[in-house]
Amino acid sequence: MLDIIKKLLGAAAPIQRSMDVQQQVDEETRRFSLYQFSACSYCIKVRRVIKQLDLNIEYRDAANNQLWKQALIREGGLYQTPCLRIEHLDGSVQWMYESADIIRYLKRHYSI
């Protein structure tokens, strides 16, 4: 019964990768941060995909943590969530807003 409910709600088991591939994915995504609100429906959609893809992304509660809120406004330019902060290897930082864009990016780069 629980499996049926999970399927109806869109909950899926995390994907399985080899240990080497998972370590590489973890290394890449440790430079990612998701600025989010816990009850935001768009944030929930993104968190579900992060869980399904088994990604190691830090969640930053921009509603209840003033430091994260100020960083989101100052560096990202908007007080809007979800927002995925991606620090690239060259040191540049990308701020990606809009849940559909974030989900598309994560699936394109980390789906099996």
PDB file of N, CA and C in Angstrom:
ATOM      1  N   MET A   1       0.824  -1.196   0.000  1.00  0.00           N
ATOM      2  CA  MET A   1       0.000   0.000   0.000  1.00  0.00           C
ATOM      3  C   MET A   1       0.868   1.260   0.000  1.00  0.00           C
ATOM      4  N   LEU A   2       1.921   1.259   0.821  1.00  0.00           N
ATOM      5  CA  LEU A   2       2.811   2.418   0.896  1.00  0.00           C
ATOM      6  C   LEU A   2       3.491   2.671  -0.444  1.00  0.00           C
ATOM      7  N   ASP A   3       3.877   1.623  -1.154  1.00  0.00           N
ATOM      8  CA  ASP A   3       4.493   1.776  -2.471  1.00  0.00           C
ATOM      9  C   ASP A   3       3.545   2.440  -3.455  1.00  0.00           C
ATOM     10  N   ILE A   4       2.279   2.092  -3.393  1.00  0.00           N
ATOM     11  CA  ILE A   4       1.279   2.692  -4.277  1.00  0.00           C
ATOM     12  C   ILE A   4       1.144   4.179  -3.978  1.00  0.00           C
ATOM     13  N   ILE A   5       1.098   4.535  -2.717  1.00  0.00           N
ATOM     14  CA  ILE A   5       0.992   5.947  -2.320  1.00  0.00           C
ATOM     15  C   ILE A   5       2.219   6.715  -2.786  1.00  0.00           C
ATOM     16  N   LYS A   6       3.408   6.151  -2.599  1.00  0.00           N
ATOM     17  CA  LYS A   6       4.641   6.814  -3.041  1.00  0.00           C
ATOM     18  C   LYS A   6       4.628   7.049  -4.546  1.00  0.00           C
ATOM     19  N   LYS A   7       4.177   6.062  -5.303  1.00  0.00           N
ATOM     20  CA  LYS A   7       4.109   6.213  -6.757  1.00  0.00           C
ATOM     21  C   LYS A   7       3.131   7.309  -7.145  1.00  0.00           C
ATOM     22  N   LEU A   8       1.992   7.362  -6.471  1.00  0.00           N
ATOM     23  CA  LEU A   8       0.996   8.392  -6.763  1.00  0.00           C
ATOM     24  C   LEU A   8       1.512   9.782  -6.427  1.00  0.00           C
ATOM     25  N   LEU A   9       2.309   9.891  -5.380  1.00  0.00           N
ATOM     26  CA  LEU A   9       2.854  11.183  -4.967  1.00  0.00           C
ATOM     27  C   LEU A   9       4.124  11.537  -5.722  1.00  0.00           C
ATOM     28  N   GLY A  10       4.603  10.641  -6.535  1.00  0.00           N
ATOM     29  CA  GLY A  10       5.795  10.924  -7.320  1.00  0.00           C
ATOM     30  C   GLY A  10       7.088  10.592  -6.611  1.00  0.00           C
ATOM     31  N   ALA A  11       7.030   9.910  -5.480  1.00  0.00           N
ATOM     32  CA  ALA A  11       8.247   9.537  -4.773  1.00  0.00           C
ATOM     33  C   ALA A  11       8.852   8.318  -5.449  1.00  0.00           C
ATOM     34  N   ALA A  12      10.126   8.398  -5.735  1.00  0.00           N
ATOM     35  CA  ALA A  12      10.818   7.278  -6.367  1.00  0.00           C
ATOM     36  C   ALA A  12      12.098   7.002  -5.601  1.00  0.00           C
ATOM     37  N   ALA A  13      12.540   5.781  -5.685  1.00  0.00           N
ATOM     38  CA  ALA A  13      13.789   5.409  -5.027  1.00  0.00           C
ATOM     39  C   ALA A  13      14.943   6.123  -5.720  1.00  0.00           C
ATOM     40  N   PRO A  14      15.966   6.498  -4.965  1.00  0.00           N
ATOM     41  CA  PRO A  14      17.137   7.127  -5.583  1.00  0.00           C
ATOM     42  C   PRO A  14      17.757   6.200  -6.627  1.00  0.00           C
ATOM     43  N   ILE A  15      18.322   6.796  -7.666  1.00  0.00           N
ATOM     44  CA  ILE A  15      18.982   5.993  -8.683  1.00  0.00           C
ATOM     45  C   ILE A  15      20.248   5.378  -8.099  1.00  0.00           C
ATOM     46  N   GLN A  16      20.675   4.297  -8.697  1.00  0.00           N
ATOM     47  CA  GLN A  16      21.861   3.585  -8.230  1.00  0.00           C
ATOM     48  C   GLN A  16      23.001   3.808  -9.216  1.00  0.00           C
ATOM     49  N   ARG A  17      24.143   4.237  -8.694  1.00  0.00           N
ATOM     50  CA  ARG A  17      25.347   4.413  -9.502  1.00  0.00           C
ATOM     51  C   ARG A  17      26.442   3.536  -8.923  1.00  0.00           C
ATOM     52  N   SER A  18      27.467   3.298  -9.718  1.00  0.00           N
ATOM     53  CA  SER A  18      28.629   2.603  -9.174  1.00  0.00           C
ATOM     54  C   SER A  18      29.279   3.522  -8.143  1.00  0.00           C
ATOM     55  N   MET A  19      30.067   2.956  -7.271  1.00  0.00           N
ATOM     56  CA  MET A  19      30.709   3.734  -6.214  1.00  0.00           C
ATOM     57  C   MET A  19      31.597   4.843  -6.789  1.00  0.00           C
ATOM     58  N   ASP A  20      32.347   4.528  -7.842  1.00  0.00           N
ATOM     59  CA  ASP A  20      33.230   5.521  -8.465  1.00  0.00           C
ATOM     60  C   ASP A  20      32.440   6.673  -9.072  1.00  0.00           C
ATOM     61  N   VAL A  21      31.374   6.344  -9.771  1.00  0.00           N
ATOM     62  CA  VAL A  21      30.551   7.380 -10.397  1.00  0.00           C
ATOM     63  C   VAL A  21      29.873   8.226  -9.327  1.00  0.00           C
ATOM     64  N   GLN A  22      29.366   7.598  -8.260  1.00  0.00           N
ATOM     65  CA  GLN A  22      28.719   8.350  -7.188  1.00  0.00           C
ATOM     66  C   GLN A  22      29.708   9.295  -6.521  1.00  0.00           C
ATOM     67  N   GLN A  23      30.940   8.862  -6.334  1.00  0.00           N
ATOM     68  CA  GLN A  23      31.958   9.740  -5.743  1.00  0.00           C
ATOM     69  C   GLN A  23      32.218  10.944  -6.638  1.00  0.00           C
ATOM     70  N   GLN A  24      32.251  10.732  -7.946  1.00  0.00           N
ATOM     71  CA  GLN A  24      32.456  11.837  -8.883  1.00  0.00           C
ATOM     72  C   GLN A  24      31.279  12.815  -8.822  1.00  0.00           C
ATOM     73  N   VAL A  25      30.060  12.285  -8.797  1.00  0.00           N
ATOM     74  CA  VAL A  25      28.860  13.124  -8.708  1.00  0.00           C
ATOM     75  C   VAL A  25      28.870  13.906  -7.393  1.00  0.00           C
ATOM     76  N   ASP A  26      29.217  13.241  -6.294  1.00  0.00           N
ATOM     77  CA  ASP A  26      29.289  13.920  -4.996  1.00  0.00           C
ATOM     78  C   ASP A  26      30.308  15.049  -5.026  1.00  0.00           C
ATOM     79  N   GLU A  27      31.447  14.806  -5.661  1.00  0.00           N
ATOM     80  CA  GLU A  27      32.495  15.830  -5.754  1.00  0.00           C
ATOM     81  C   GLU A  27      31.994  17.042  -6.541  1.00  0.00           C
ATOM     82  N   GLU A  28      31.303  16.795  -7.638  1.00  0.00           N
ATOM     83  CA  GLU A  28      30.766  17.897  -8.447  1.00  0.00           C
ATOM     84  C   GLU A  28      29.693  18.674  -7.692  1.00  0.00           C
ATOM     85  N   THR A  29      28.764  17.956  -7.074  1.00  0.00           N
ATOM     86  CA  THR A  29      27.608  18.626  -6.474  1.00  0.00           C
ATOM     87  C   THR A  29      27.890  19.206  -5.094  1.00  0.00           C
ATOM     88  N   ARG A  30      29.043  18.948  -4.525  1.00  0.00           N
ATOM     89  CA  ARG A  30      29.362  19.567  -3.234  1.00  0.00           C
ATOM     90  C   ARG A  30      29.544  21.078  -3.392  1.00  0.00           C
ATOM     91  N   ARG A  31      29.706  21.535  -4.616  1.00  0.00           N
ATOM     92  CA  ARG A  31      29.830  22.968  -4.894  1.00  0.00           C
ATOM     93  C   ARG A  31      28.473  23.602  -5.208  1.00  0.00           C
ATOM     94  N   PHE A  32      27.386  22.848  -5.038  1.00  0.00           N
ATOM     95  CA  PHE A  32      26.033  23.332  -5.308  1.00  0.00           C
ATOM     96  C   PHE A  32      25.329  23.628  -3.986  1.00  0.00           C
ATOM     97  N   SER A  33      24.478  24.640  -4.000  1.00  0.00           N
ATOM     98  CA  SER A  33      23.628  24.949  -2.849  1.00  0.00           C
ATOM     99  C   SER A  33      22.238  25.294  -3.366  1.00  0.00           C
ATOM    100  N   LEU A  34      21.228  24.749  -2.713  1.00  0.00           N
ATOM    101  CA  LEU A  34      19.849  25.072  -3.071  1.00  0.00           C
ATOM    102  C   LEU A  34      19.285  26.015  -2.024  1.00  0.00           C
ATOM    103  N   TYR A  35      19.038  27.260  -2.417  1.00  0.00           N
ATOM    104  CA  TYR A  35      18.359  28.216  -1.548  1.00  0.00           C
ATOM    105  C   TYR A  35      16.876  27.923  -1.690  1.00  0.00           C
ATOM    106  N   GLN A  36      16.205  27.707  -0.550  1.00  0.00           N
ATOM    107  CA  GLN A  36      14.834  27.214  -0.607  1.00  0.00           C
ATOM    108  C   GLN A  36      14.060  27.593   0.642  1.00  0.00           C
ATOM    109  N   PHE A  37      12.748  27.439   0.528  1.00  0.00           N
ATOM    110  CA  PHE A  37      11.830  27.556   1.661  1.00  0.00           C
ATOM    111  C   PHE A  37      11.249  26.163   1.867  1.00  0.00           C
ATOM    112  N   SER A  38      11.119  25.731   3.089  1.00  0.00           N
ATOM    113  CA  SER A  38      10.698  24.353   3.346  1.00  0.00           C
ATOM    114  C   SER A  38       9.292  24.044   2.828  1.00  0.00           C
ATOM    115  N   ALA A  39       8.380  25.009   2.853  1.00  0.00           N
ATOM    116  CA  ALA A  39       6.995  24.738   2.452  1.00  0.00           C
ATOM    117  C   ALA A  39       6.667  25.171   1.024  1.00  0.00           C
ATOM    118  N   CYS A  40       7.628  25.670   0.302  1.00  0.00           N
ATOM    119  CA  CYS A  40       7.410  26.132  -1.074  1.00  0.00           C
ATOM    120  C   CYS A  40       7.217  24.932  -2.000  1.00  0.00           C
ATOM    121  N   SER A  41       6.105  24.896  -2.716  1.00  0.00           N
ATOM    122  CA  SER A  41       5.811  23.736  -3.577  1.00  0.00           C
ATOM    123  C   SER A  41       6.848  23.560  -4.686  1.00  0.00           C
ATOM    124  N   TYR A  42       7.368  24.661  -5.213  1.00  0.00           N
ATOM    125  CA  TYR A  42       8.392  24.557  -6.255  1.00  0.00           C
ATOM    126  C   TYR A  42       9.705  24.019  -5.683  1.00  0.00           C
ATOM    127  N   CYS A  43      10.011  24.422  -4.456  1.00  0.00           N
ATOM    128  CA  CYS A  43      11.208  23.914  -3.776  1.00  0.00           C
ATOM    129  C   CYS A  43      11.072  22.424  -3.491  1.00  0.00           C
ATOM    130  N   ILE A  44       9.885  22.008  -3.102  1.00  0.00           N
ATOM    131  CA  ILE A  44       9.632  20.591  -2.833  1.00  0.00           C
ATOM    132  C   ILE A  44       9.868  19.768  -4.102  1.00  0.00           C
ATOM    133  N   LYS A  45       9.409  20.266  -5.245  1.00  0.00           N
ATOM    134  CA  LYS A  45       9.639  19.563  -6.513  1.00  0.00           C
ATOM    135  C   LYS A  45      11.131  19.384  -6.776  1.00  0.00           C
ATOM    136  N   VAL A  46      11.903  20.438  -6.549  1.00  0.00           N
ATOM    137  CA  VAL A  46      13.349  20.365  -6.785  1.00  0.00           C
ATOM    138  C   VAL A  46      14.001  19.404  -5.797  1.00  0.00           C
ATOM    139  N   ARG A  47      13.609  19.475  -4.528  1.00  0.00           N
ATOM    140  CA  ARG A  47      14.189  18.564  -3.530  1.00  0.00           C
ATOM    141  C   ARG A  47      13.886  17.108  -3.868  1.00  0.00           C
ATOM    142  N   ARG A  48      12.705  16.832  -4.390  1.00  0.00           N
ATOM    143  CA  ARG A  48      12.361  15.457  -4.796  1.00  0.00           C
ATOM    144  C   ARG A  48      13.311  14.958  -5.883  1.00  0.00           C
ATOM    145  N   VAL A  49      13.579  15.802  -6.861  1.00  0.00           N
ATOM    146  CA  VAL A  49      14.486  15.410  -7.946  1.00  0.00           C
ATOM    147  C   VAL A  49      15.900  15.215  -7.405  1.00  0.00           C
ATOM    148  N   ILE A  50      16.335  16.087  -6.511  1.00  0.00           N
ATOM    149  CA  ILE A  50      17.658  15.937  -5.899  1.00  0.00           C
ATOM    150  C   ILE A  50      17.752  14.593  -5.185  1.00  0.00           C
ATOM    151  N   LYS A  51      16.707  14.237  -4.470  1.00  0.00           N
ATOM    152  CA  LYS A  51      16.699  12.950  -3.761  1.00  0.00           C
ATOM    153  C   LYS A  51      16.682  11.787  -4.746  1.00  0.00           C
ATOM    154  N   GLN A  52      15.835  11.879  -5.776  1.00  0.00           N
ATOM    155  CA  GLN A  52      15.752  10.804  -6.773  1.00  0.00           C
ATOM    156  C   GLN A  52      17.080  10.598  -7.495  1.00  0.00           C
ATOM    157  N   LEU A  53      17.790  11.691  -7.756  1.00  0.00           N
ATOM    158  CA  LEU A  53      19.072  11.603  -8.453  1.00  0.00           C
ATOM    159  C   LEU A  53      20.234  11.338  -7.495  1.00  0.00           C
ATOM    160  N   ASP A  54      19.932  11.248  -6.203  1.00  0.00           N
ATOM    161  CA  ASP A  54      20.933  10.957  -5.166  1.00  0.00           C
ATOM    162  C   ASP A  54      22.094  11.945  -5.238  1.00  0.00           C
ATOM    163  N   LEU A  55      21.745  13.238  -5.187  1.00  0.00           N
ATOM    164  CA  LEU A  55      22.743  14.298  -5.299  1.00  0.00           C
ATOM    165  C   LEU A  55      23.075  14.867  -3.928  1.00  0.00           C
ATOM    166  N   ASN A  56      24.319  15.234  -3.759  1.00  0.00           N
ATOM    167  CA  ASN A  56      24.829  15.768  -2.503  1.00  0.00           C
ATOM    168  C   ASN A  56      24.816  17.299  -2.578  1.00  0.00           C
ATOM    169  N   ILE A  57      23.635  17.881  -2.446  1.00  0.00           N
ATOM    170  CA  ILE A  57      23.475  19.330  -2.563  1.00  0.00           C
ATOM    171  C   ILE A  57      23.029  19.881  -1.220  1.00  0.00           C
ATOM    172  N   GLU A  58      23.719  20.916  -0.771  1.00  0.00           N
ATOM    173  CA  GLU A  58      23.381  21.555   0.507  1.00  0.00           C
ATOM    174  C   GLU A  58      22.098  22.367   0.350  1.00  0.00           C
ATOM    175  N   TYR A  59      21.195  22.235   1.320  1.00  0.00           N
ATOM    176  CA  TYR A  59      19.980  23.047   1.355  1.00  0.00           C
ATOM    177  C   TYR A  59      20.226  24.246   2.258  1.00  0.00           C
ATOM    178  N   ARG A  60      19.845  25.420   1.779  1.00  0.00           N
ATOM    179  CA  ARG A  60      19.986  26.652   2.551  1.00  0.00           C
ATOM    180  C   ARG A  60      18.603  27.283   2.713  1.00  0.00           C
ATOM    181  N   ASP A  61      18.149  27.335   3.943  1.00  0.00           N
ATOM    182  CA  ASP A  61      16.817  27.849   4.268  1.00  0.00           C
ATOM    183  C   ASP A  61      16.844  29.377   4.260  1.00  0.00           C
ATOM    184  N   ALA A  62      16.441  29.955   3.146  1.00  0.00           N
ATOM    185  CA  ALA A  62      16.485  31.410   2.986  1.00  0.00           C
ATOM    186  C   ALA A  62      15.353  32.114   3.715  1.00  0.00           C
ATOM    187  N   ALA A  63      14.376  31.373   4.207  1.00  0.00           N
ATOM    188  CA  ALA A  63      13.270  31.986   4.945  1.00  0.00           C
ATOM    189  C   ALA A  63      13.625  32.192   6.411  1.00  0.00           C
ATOM    190  N   ASN A  64      14.373  31.267   6.987  1.00  0.00           N
ATOM    191  CA  ASN A  64      14.635  31.297   8.426  1.00  0.00           C
ATOM    192  C   ASN A  64      16.075  31.594   8.807  1.00  0.00           C
ATOM    193  N   ASN A  65      16.943  31.758   7.836  1.00  0.00           N
ATOM    194  CA  ASN A  65      18.338  32.063   8.114  1.00  0.00           C
ATOM    195  C   ASN A  65      18.690  33.373   7.410  1.00  0.00           C
ATOM    196  N   GLN A  66      18.919  34.405   8.196  1.00  0.00           N
ATOM    197  CA  GLN A  66      19.171  35.733   7.630  1.00  0.00           C
ATOM    198  C   GLN A  66      20.437  35.788   6.779  1.00  0.00           C
ATOM    199  N   LEU A  67      21.455  35.010   7.135  1.00  0.00           N
ATOM    200  CA  LEU A  67      22.685  34.991   6.336  1.00  0.00           C
ATOM    201  C   LEU A  67      22.419  34.455   4.932  1.00  0.00           C
ATOM    202  N   TRP A  68      21.656  33.362   4.845  1.00  0.00           N
ATOM    203  CA  TRP A  68      21.338  32.794   3.533  1.00  0.00           C
ATOM    204  C   TRP A  68      20.420  33.737   2.760  1.00  0.00           C
ATOM    205  N   LYS A  69      19.472  34.368   3.450  1.00  0.00           N
ATOM    206  CA  LYS A  69      18.566  35.312   2.789  1.00  0.00           C
ATOM    207  C   LYS A  69      19.355  36.469   2.179  1.00  0.00           C
ATOM    208  N   GLN A  70      20.258  37.042   2.967  1.00  0.00           N
ATOM    209  CA  GLN A  70      21.054  38.169   2.473  1.00  0.00           C
ATOM    210  C   GLN A  70      21.977  37.759   1.329  1.00  0.00           C
ATOM    211  N   ALA A  71      22.570  36.570   1.415  1.00  0.00           N
ATOM    212  CA  ALA A  71      23.434  36.082   0.331  1.00  0.00           C
ATOM    213  C   ALA A  71      22.630  35.905  -0.953  1.00  0.00           C
ATOM    214  N   LEU A  72      21.436  35.368  -0.824  1.00  0.00           N
ATOM    215  CA  LEU A  72      20.571  35.164  -1.986  1.00  0.00           C
ATOM    216  C   LEU A  72      20.245  36.498  -2.657  1.00  0.00           C
ATOM    217  N   ILE A  73      19.924  37.502  -1.861  1.00  0.00           N
ATOM    218  CA  ILE A  73      19.588  38.825  -2.403  1.00  0.00           C
ATOM    219  C   ILE A  73      20.829  39.511  -2.968  1.00  0.00           C
ATOM    220  N   ARG A  74      21.898  39.537  -2.179  1.00  0.00           N
ATOM    221  CA  ARG A  74      23.113  40.266  -2.555  1.00  0.00           C
ATOM    222  C   ARG A  74      23.819  39.625  -3.758  1.00  0.00           C
ATOM    223  N   GLU A  75      23.993  38.311  -3.716  1.00  0.00           N
ATOM    224  CA  GLU A  75      24.773  37.641  -4.755  1.00  0.00           C
ATOM    225  C   GLU A  75      23.915  37.126  -5.904  1.00  0.00           C
ATOM    226  N   GLY A  76      22.722  36.633  -5.574  1.00  0.00           N
ATOM    227  CA  GLY A  76      21.842  36.090  -6.611  1.00  0.00           C
ATOM    228  C   GLY A  76      21.008  37.154  -7.299  1.00  0.00           C
ATOM    229  N   GLY A  77      20.722  38.232  -6.571  1.00  0.00           N
ATOM    230  CA  GLY A  77      19.984  39.338  -7.157  1.00  0.00           C
ATOM    231  C   GLY A  77      18.495  39.355  -6.869  1.00  0.00           C
ATOM    232  N   LEU A  78      17.944  38.252  -6.373  1.00  0.00           N
ATOM    233  CA  LEU A  78      16.507  38.171  -6.096  1.00  0.00           C
ATOM    234  C   LEU A  78      16.257  37.415  -4.804  1.00  0.00           C
ATOM    235  N   TYR A  79      15.188  37.760  -4.117  1.00  0.00           N
ATOM    236  CA  TYR A  79      14.730  36.970  -2.973  1.00  0.00           C
ATOM    237  C   TYR A  79      13.625  36.069  -3.490  1.00  0.00           C
ATOM    238  N   GLN A  80      14.041  35.025  -4.190  1.00  0.00           N
ATOM    239  CA  GLN A  80      13.115  34.101  -4.840  1.00  0.00           C
ATOM    240  C   GLN A  80      13.692  32.695  -4.727  1.00  0.00           C
ATOM    241  N   THR A  81      12.819  31.754  -4.420  1.00  0.00           N
ATOM    242  CA  THR A  81      13.252  30.365  -4.355  1.00  0.00           C
ATOM    243  C   THR A  81      12.326  29.507  -5.197  1.00  0.00           C
ATOM    244  N   PRO A  82      12.804  28.351  -5.623  1.00  0.00           N
ATOM    245  CA  PRO A  82      14.133  27.814  -5.389  1.00  0.00           C
ATOM    246  C   PRO A  82      15.180  28.531  -6.241  1.00  0.00           C
ATOM    247  N   CYS A  83      16.398  28.476  -5.765  1.00  0.00           N
ATOM    248  CA  CYS A  83      17.529  29.015  -6.507  1.00  0.00           C
ATOM    249  C   CYS A  83      18.715  28.084  -6.286  1.00  0.00           C
ATOM    250  N   LEU A  84      19.259  27.577  -7.366  1.00  0.00           N
ATOM    251  CA  LEU A  84      20.420  26.702  -7.286  1.00  0.00           C
ATOM    252  C   LEU A  84      21.670  27.521  -7.549  1.00  0.00           C
ATOM    253  N   ARG A  85      22.557  27.536  -6.559  1.00  0.00           N
ATOM    254  CA  ARG A  85      23.853  28.216  -6.702  1.00  0.00           C
ATOM    255  C   ARG A  85      24.868  27.167  -7.125  1.00  0.00           C
ATOM    256  N   ILE A  86      25.489  27.399  -8.272  1.00  0.00           N
ATOM    257  CA  ILE A  86      26.469  26.461  -8.818  1.00  0.00           C
ATOM    258  C   ILE A  86      27.811  27.168  -8.878  1.00  0.00           C
ATOM    259  N   GLU A  87      28.775  26.641  -8.142  1.00  0.00           N
ATOM    260  CA  GLU A  87      30.134  27.173  -8.206  1.00  0.00           C
ATOM    261  C   GLU A  87      30.919  26.300  -9.175  1.00  0.00           C
ATOM    262  N   HIS A  88      31.329  26.889 -10.286  1.00  0.00           N
ATOM    263  CA  HIS A  88      32.053  26.154 -11.319  1.00  0.00           C
ATOM    264  C   HIS A  88      33.528  26.017 -10.941  1.00  0.00           C
ATOM    265  N   LEU A  89      34.211  25.092 -11.597  1.00  0.00           N
ATOM    266  CA  LEU A  89      35.620  24.830 -11.296  1.00  0.00           C
ATOM    267  C   LEU A  89      36.506  26.051 -11.511  1.00  0.00           C
ATOM    268  N   ASP A  90      36.135  26.921 -12.443  1.00  0.00           N
ATOM    269  CA  ASP A  90      36.937  28.121 -12.699  1.00  0.00           C
ATOM    270  C   ASP A  90      36.678  29.227 -11.675  1.00  0.00           C
ATOM    271  N   GLY A  91      35.815  28.952 -10.685  1.00  0.00           N
ATOM    272  CA  GLY A  91      35.516  29.920  -9.634  1.00  0.00           C
ATOM    273  C   GLY A  91      34.304  30.790  -9.909  1.00  0.00           C
ATOM    274  N   SER A  92      33.790  30.756 -11.128  1.00  0.00           N
ATOM    275  CA  SER A  92      32.596  31.544 -11.433  1.00  0.00           C
ATOM    276  C   SER A  92      31.384  30.902 -10.753  1.00  0.00           C
ATOM    277  N   VAL A  93      30.399  31.739 -10.471  1.00  0.00           N
ATOM    278  CA  VAL A  93      29.193  31.274  -9.784  1.00  0.00           C
ATOM    279  C   VAL A  93      27.983  31.568 -10.657  1.00  0.00           C
ATOM    280  N   GLN A  94      27.130  30.578 -10.782  1.00  0.00           N
ATOM    281  CA  GLN A  94      25.885  30.706 -11.538  1.00  0.00           C
ATOM    282  C   GLN A  94      24.721  30.586 -10.567  1.00  0.00           C
ATOM    283  N   TRP A  95      23.754  31.501 -10.674  1.00  0.00           N
ATOM    284  CA  TRP A  95      22.544  31.468  -9.852  1.00  0.00           C
ATOM    285  C   TRP A  95      21.391  31.103 -10.768  1.00  0.00           C
ATOM    286  N   MET A  96      20.818  29.927 -10.560  1.00  0.00           N
ATOM    287  CA  MET A  96      19.758  29.434 -11.424  1.00  0.00           C
ATOM    288  C   MET A  96      18.425  29.470 -10.671  1.00  0.00           C
ATOM    289  N   TYR A  97      17.526  30.305 -11.158  1.00  0.00           N
ATOM    290  CA  TYR A  97      16.182  30.402 -10.600  1.00  0.00           C
ATOM    291  C   TYR A  97      15.231  29.576 -11.469  1.00  0.00           C
ATOM    292  N   GLU A  98      14.039  29.368 -10.988  1.00  0.00           N
ATOM    293  CA  GLU A  98      12.964  28.641 -11.670  1.00  0.00           C
ATOM    294  C   GLU A  98      13.152  27.135 -11.532  1.00  0.00           C
ATOM    295  N   SER A  99      12.190  26.520 -10.890  1.00  0.00           N
ATOM    296  CA  SER A  99      12.261  25.085 -10.610  1.00  0.00           C
ATOM    297  C   SER A  99      12.403  24.253 -11.884  1.00  0.00           C
ATOM    298  N   ALA A 100      11.701  24.611 -12.945  1.00  0.00           N
ATOM    299  CA  ALA A 100      11.779  23.834 -14.191  1.00  0.00           C
ATOM    300  C   ALA A 100      13.193  23.866 -14.766  1.00  0.00           C
ATOM    301  N   ASP A 101      13.842  25.025 -14.712  1.00  0.00           N
ATOM    302  CA  ASP A 101      15.217  25.139 -15.212  1.00  0.00           C
ATOM    303  C   ASP A 101      16.182  24.323 -14.357  1.00  0.00           C
ATOM    304  N   ILE A 102      16.007  24.390 -13.043  1.00  0.00           N
ATOM    305  CA  ILE A 102      16.868  23.642 -12.122  1.00  0.00           C
ATOM    306  C   ILE A 102      16.703  22.145 -12.355  1.00  0.00           C
ATOM    307  N   ILE A 103      15.469  21.688 -12.430  1.00  0.00           N
ATOM    308  CA  ILE A 103      15.194  20.264 -12.637  1.00  0.00           C
ATOM    309  C   ILE A 103      15.761  19.798 -13.977  1.00  0.00           C
ATOM    310  N   ARG A 104      15.560  20.580 -15.013  1.00  0.00           N
ATOM    311  CA  ARG A 104      16.086  20.228 -16.335  1.00  0.00           C
ATOM    312  C   ARG A 104      17.615  20.117 -16.293  1.00  0.00           C
ATOM    313  N   TYR A 105      18.264  21.069 -15.648  1.00  0.00           N
ATOM    314  CA  TYR A 105      19.726  21.057 -15.530  1.00  0.00           C
ATOM    315  C   TYR A 105      20.206  19.810 -14.785  1.00  0.00           C
ATOM    316  N   LEU A 106      19.600  19.526 -13.636  1.00  0.00           N
ATOM    317  CA  LEU A 106      20.026  18.379 -12.830  1.00  0.00           C
ATOM    318  C   LEU A 106      19.800  17.066 -13.570  1.00  0.00           C
ATOM    319  N   LYS A 107      18.662  16.933 -14.222  1.00  0.00           N
ATOM    320  CA  LYS A 107      18.388  15.694 -14.959  1.00  0.00           C
ATOM    321  C   LYS A 107      19.330  15.540 -16.150  1.00  0.00           C
ATOM    322  N   ARG A 108      19.613  16.635 -16.838  1.00  0.00           N
ATOM    323  CA  ARG A 108      20.500  16.570 -18.000  1.00  0.00           C
ATOM    324  C   ARG A 108      21.906  16.132 -17.595  1.00  0.00           C
ATOM    325  N   HIS A 109      22.367  16.613 -16.445  1.00  0.00           N
ATOM    326  CA  HIS A 109      23.740  16.328 -16.027  1.00  0.00           C
ATOM    327  C   HIS A 109      23.893  15.075 -15.172  1.00  0.00           C
ATOM    328  N   TYR A 110      22.836  14.651 -14.470  1.00  0.00           N
ATOM    329  CA  TYR A 110      23.017  13.589 -13.470  1.00  0.00           C
ATOM    330  C   TYR A 110      22.068  12.403 -13.581  1.00  0.00           C
ATOM    331  N   SER A 111      21.219  12.365 -14.598  1.00  0.00           N
ATOM    332  CA  SER A 111      20.397  11.168 -14.804  1.00  0.00           C
ATOM    333  C   SER A 111      21.262  10.073 -15.408  1.00  0.00           C
ATOM    334  N   ILE A 112      20.842   8.855 -15.180  1.00  0.00           N
ATOM    335  CA  ILE A 112      21.592   7.723 -15.747  1.00  0.00           C
ATOM    336  C   ILE A 112      21.023   7.400 -17.110  1.00  0.00           C
TER     337      ILE A 112
END
